[in-house]
């Protein structure tokens, strides 16, 4: 499994700061950006917590990911991409878990 680079690691540390329990979330809104970014603690696994970083929008009453990334933070503090989802293009890619299964 390959962890994210150092710059991305620093960004993820800032985004997930204070998100210590499942369901904790932060919203980042800015007039410079079109869509709000939501970061959420999704829960714990045996190897560490999962966090989502997502932009969402609504269409016909549905909430769509544009896109959504899920990261696992390992016990060593490193972040690993776990999932990529983009509903507009019907993309759903489990990254981390498919790699673990093939090893």
Foldseek 3Di string as FASTA:
>chain_A
DDFDDPVVLVVVCVLCPPQDAFADKDWDDDPVDDFIWMKGFHHADPFATKIKIFTWDDDPRDIFTCKIWIWGQGPVRTIDTQWIGGVVVRDTDGDVVVVVVVD
